[in-house]
Protein backbone atom coordinates (compact mmCIF):
# COMPACT_ATOMS: atom_id res chain seq x y z
CA MET A 1 2.38 4.46 -6.71
CA LEU A 2 5.77 2.49 -6.98
CA GLU A 3 6.12 0.32 -10.30
CA ILE A 4 8.75 -1.92 -11.07
CA GLU A 5 8.90 -4.10 -14.09
CA GLY A 6 11.01 -6.86 -15.19
CA LEU A 7 13.88 -5.17 -13.42
CA SER A 8 17.24 -6.85 -13.73
CA ARG A 9 21.06 -6.25 -12.41
CA GLN A 10 24.32 -8.22 -12.96
CA PHE A 11 27.88 -7.60 -11.75
CA ASN A 12 31.07 -8.40 -13.68
CA GLY A 13 28.78 -10.76 -15.52
CA ARG A 14 26.95 -12.44 -12.97
CA PRO A 15 23.45 -12.07 -12.57
CA VAL A 16 22.26 -10.85 -8.95
CA LEU A 17 18.64 -9.85 -9.42
CA ARG A 18 16.33 -11.26 -12.29
CA GLN A 19 13.09 -10.22 -13.74
CA VAL A 20 11.48 -8.67 -10.74
CA SER A 21 8.22 -6.81 -11.23
CA LEU A 22 6.05 -4.99 -8.30
CA GLN A 23 3.31 -2.47 -7.75
CA LEU A 24 2.79 -0.80 -4.68
CA HIS A 25 0.31 1.88 -3.71
CA ALA A 26 0.49 4.61 -1.20
CA GLY A 27 -0.05 3.28 2.15
CA GLU A 28 1.02 0.03 1.44
CA TYR A 29 4.04 -1.59 3.70
CA VAL A 30 5.71 -4.70 2.70
CA ALA A 31 8.55 -6.88 4.05
CA VAL A 32 11.11 -8.53 1.48
CA VAL A 33 12.72 -11.57 2.66
CA GLY A 34 15.04 -14.18 1.08
CA GLU A 35 18.34 -15.84 1.87
CA SER A 36 21.81 -13.60 1.42
CA GLY A 37 23.06 -13.09 -2.01
CA VAL A 38 19.66 -13.11 -4.21
CA GLY A 39 19.66 -9.63 -4.36
CA LYS A 40 17.54 -8.11 -1.51
CA SER A 41 20.17 -4.75 -1.28
CA THR A 42 20.65 -4.63 -4.79
CA LEU A 43 16.65 -4.10 -5.37
CA LEU A 44 16.64 -1.32 -2.61
CA ASN A 45 19.59 0.44 -4.39
CA LEU A 46 17.61 0.45 -7.62
CA ILE A 47 14.55 1.67 -5.91
CA ALA A 48 16.59 4.27 -4.12
CA GLY A 49 18.26 5.29 -7.94
CA LEU A 50 21.56 4.73 -6.48
CA ASP A 51 22.19 2.24 -9.15
CA ARG A 52 20.71 1.82 -12.93
CA PRO A 53 19.33 -1.68 -13.62
CA ASP A 54 20.33 -3.68 -16.80
CA THR A 55 16.75 -3.89 -17.90
CA GLY A 56 13.36 -2.97 -16.58
CA ARG A 57 11.37 -0.22 -15.80
CA LEU A 58 11.27 1.82 -12.39
CA ALA A 59 8.64 4.72 -11.66
CA LEU A 60 7.57 6.53 -8.41
CA ASP A 61 4.20 8.55 -8.65
CA ASN A 62 4.78 8.37 -12.60
CA ILE A 63 8.18 9.50 -12.67
CA GLU A 64 10.29 7.37 -14.93
CA TYR A 65 13.85 6.79 -13.69
CA ALA A 66 15.24 6.31 -16.75
CA ARG A 67 14.58 9.52 -17.79
CA LEU A 68 16.37 11.30 -14.91
CA ASP A 69 19.84 12.48 -14.87
CA GLU A 70 21.81 12.08 -12.01
CA ASP A 71 20.73 15.64 -10.68
CA ALA A 72 16.92 14.90 -11.21
CA LEU A 73 17.59 11.28 -9.12
CA THR A 74 18.97 13.38 -6.31
CA ARG A 75 16.19 15.65 -6.07
CA LEU A 76 14.03 12.61 -6.51
CA ARG A 77 15.68 11.42 -3.45
CA ARG A 78 15.67 14.16 -1.66
CA ASP A 79 11.89 15.10 -2.05
CA LYS A 80 10.26 11.76 -1.74
CA LEU A 81 12.75 8.81 -0.37
CA GLY A 82 13.89 8.15 3.08
CA PHE A 83 16.49 5.25 3.34
CA VAL A 84 17.62 3.55 6.31
CA PHE A 85 21.23 2.04 5.40
CA GLN A 86 22.71 -0.92 7.10
CA ALA A 87 25.59 0.99 7.82
CA PHE A 88 23.83 4.29 9.13
CA HIS A 89 25.65 6.88 6.94
CA LEU A 90 25.48 9.46 9.82
CA LEU A 91 27.59 12.57 9.14
CA PRO A 92 30.44 12.52 11.83
CA HIS A 93 30.86 16.59 11.48
CA LEU A 94 27.09 16.94 12.54
CA THR A 95 25.31 16.36 15.88
CA VAL A 96 22.34 13.96 16.51
CA ILE A 97 19.66 16.62 15.63
CA GLN A 98 21.36 18.20 13.06
CA ASN A 99 21.76 14.74 11.43
CA VAL A 100 17.84 14.03 11.59
CA ALA A 101 17.26 17.85 10.19
CA LEU A 102 19.73 17.17 7.31
CA PRO A 103 16.66 16.05 4.89
CA LEU A 104 14.53 18.94 5.96
CA TRP A 105 17.33 21.33 5.81
CA LEU A 106 18.27 19.75 1.92
CA GLN A 107 15.05 21.30 1.03
CA GLY A 108 15.49 24.75 2.49
CA ILE A 109 13.53 24.22 5.55
CA ASN A 110 15.31 25.64 8.26
CA GLY A 111 14.95 27.12 12.02
CA ASP A 112 11.97 25.42 13.79
CA ALA A 113 10.25 23.84 11.07
CA ALA A 114 13.31 21.93 11.11
CA SER A 115 14.17 21.38 14.70
CA THR A 116 10.74 20.70 15.76
CA PRO A 117 9.94 17.71 13.98
CA ALA A 118 13.73 16.28 14.44
CA HIS A 119 13.30 16.43 18.10
CA GLN A 120 9.65 14.85 17.55
CA LEU A 121 11.40 11.80 15.57
CA LEU A 122 14.21 11.50 18.39
CA ASP A 123 11.80 11.33 20.98
CA ALA A 124 9.79 8.65 19.47
CA VAL A 125 13.09 6.84 18.84
CA GLY A 126 14.14 7.07 22.42
CA LEU A 127 16.92 9.50 21.67
CA GLY A 128 15.69 12.87 22.86
CA ASP A 129 18.57 13.19 25.40
CA ARG A 130 21.23 12.73 22.77
CA ALA A 131 20.19 15.67 20.14
CA ALA A 132 23.70 17.50 21.42
CA SER A 133 25.57 14.57 21.06
CA TRP A 134 28.15 13.23 17.93
CA PRO A 135 27.87 10.03 16.12
CA ARG A 136 30.94 9.07 17.53
CA GLU A 137 29.46 9.06 21.20
CA LEU A 138 26.77 6.70 20.07
CA SER A 139 26.38 2.98 20.26
CA GLY A 140 25.66 1.10 16.70
CA GLY A 141 22.09 0.87 17.85
CA GLU A 142 21.44 4.36 18.82
CA MET A 143 23.42 5.23 15.42
CA GLN A 144 20.60 3.32 14.10
CA ARG A 145 17.84 4.87 15.47
CA VAL A 146 19.05 8.33 14.59
CA ALA A 147 19.25 7.09 10.94
CA ILE A 148 15.87 5.80 11.26
CA ALA A 149 14.38 9.13 12.59
CA ARG A 150 16.37 11.18 9.73
CA ALA A 151 14.83 8.73 7.07
CA LEU A 152 11.41 9.79 8.41
CA VAL A 153 11.68 13.48 9.26
CA HIS A 154 10.72 14.76 5.96
CA ARG A 155 7.60 12.56 5.64
CA PRO A 156 8.85 10.91 2.31
CA ARG A 157 6.78 9.37 -0.32
CA LEU A 158 8.72 6.03 -0.15
CA VAL A 159 10.55 4.47 2.88
CA LEU A 160 12.90 2.09 2.10
CA ALA A 161 14.84 0.16 5.19
CA ASP A 162 17.60 -2.14 4.96
CA GLU A 163 17.76 -4.62 7.96
CA PRO A 164 16.95 -1.53 10.21
CA THR A 165 16.81 -3.95 13.13
CA GLY A 166 19.90 -5.51 12.65
CA ASN A 167 22.31 -3.70 15.58
CA LEU A 168 19.23 -3.43 17.95
CA ASP A 169 18.23 -5.30 21.01
CA PRO A 170 14.88 -7.17 20.85
CA ALA A 171 13.12 -4.42 22.87
CA ASN A 172 14.40 -1.23 20.75
CA GLY A 173 13.98 -3.17 17.75
CA ALA A 174 10.34 -3.75 18.36
CA LYS A 175 9.78 -0.37 18.90
CA VAL A 176 11.74 0.87 15.88
CA ILE A 177 9.80 -1.52 13.81
CA ALA A 178 6.38 -0.28 15.46
CA LEU A 179 7.43 3.30 14.62
CA LEU A 180 8.38 2.61 10.70
CA GLY A 181 4.91 1.32 10.30
CA GLU A 182 2.72 3.97 12.37
CA ARG A 183 4.66 6.55 10.45
CA ILE A 184 4.66 4.80 6.83
CA ARG A 185 0.76 4.31 7.39
CA GLN A 186 0.10 7.59 9.05
CA ALA A 187 1.50 9.57 6.11
CA GLY A 188 -0.13 7.29 3.42
CA ALA A 189 3.62 6.37 2.15
CA ILE A 190 4.95 3.44 0.67
CA GLY A 191 7.28 1.21 2.85
CA ILE A 192 9.67 -1.51 1.53
CA LEU A 193 11.50 -3.43 4.61
CA VAL A 194 14.62 -5.74 3.70
CA THR A 195 14.66 -8.23 6.61
CA HIS A 196 15.95 -11.51 8.14
CA SER A 197 13.58 -10.96 10.96
CA LEU A 198 10.54 -12.81 11.18
CA GLU A 199 9.05 -10.60 13.59
CA ALA A 200 9.66 -7.26 11.72
CA ALA A 201 8.54 -9.33 8.57
CA ALA A 202 5.02 -9.86 10.47
CA SER A 203 4.53 -6.60 11.37
CA THR A 204 3.96 -5.47 7.65
CA ASP A 205 1.07 -5.68 5.44
CA ARG A 206 2.30 -8.70 3.56
CA VAL A 207 5.31 -10.69 3.08
CA LEU A 208 7.13 -11.00 -0.53
CA ARG A 209 10.14 -13.67 -1.07
CA LEU A 210 12.90 -13.21 -3.35
CA THR A 211 14.34 -15.90 -4.72
CA ALA A 212 17.57 -16.59 -6.91
CA SER A 213 15.33 -16.74 -9.91
CA GLY A 214 14.08 -13.47 -9.00
CA LEU A 215 10.49 -14.02 -8.54
CA LEU A 216 8.87 -11.97 -5.91
CA THR A 217 5.89 -14.28 -4.52
């Protein structure tokens, strides 16, 4: 279960996120929508442990973020989270298949135990023939699909996706959204999708609106 209570964050004295509270259980897949600047990406960064809130409480599977040092937060992300960034964050010195397998390598999983699920995910996102390519050889949409495969390969407990269809054409966007929902539900994971796409939001179990006042409704 993911528990969020009274989460707030400000930057340079300007409130970006105000008193957000939410509980999500295993198997729930939700979309977070709202106008630009209301703190959607900030919320994801806090949930991922990439930033610390000014006030409020975060816990995943009864693990309290506030009690974790930076090394422990890194292990939490490694073992329990999958994150699809808007900017891809693929490693340029690794091939496509190596980028996808990376979360498994970080868990000490190597050989066929890493390459087999990595190839399966690449096939699922339509890039099975690009396994040996380098990120610089891919289009923006292809890099996004690699990032999605990487986020899912280690079967995380929590999947966070920040505008995952922003660089995809409608056909590939629909495939990726369907894949995200399918894998999240199959694994009994929690999924949070931040999106401006009404079609993508409609694929989730429920839609939450983040407003300037910080309320999710």
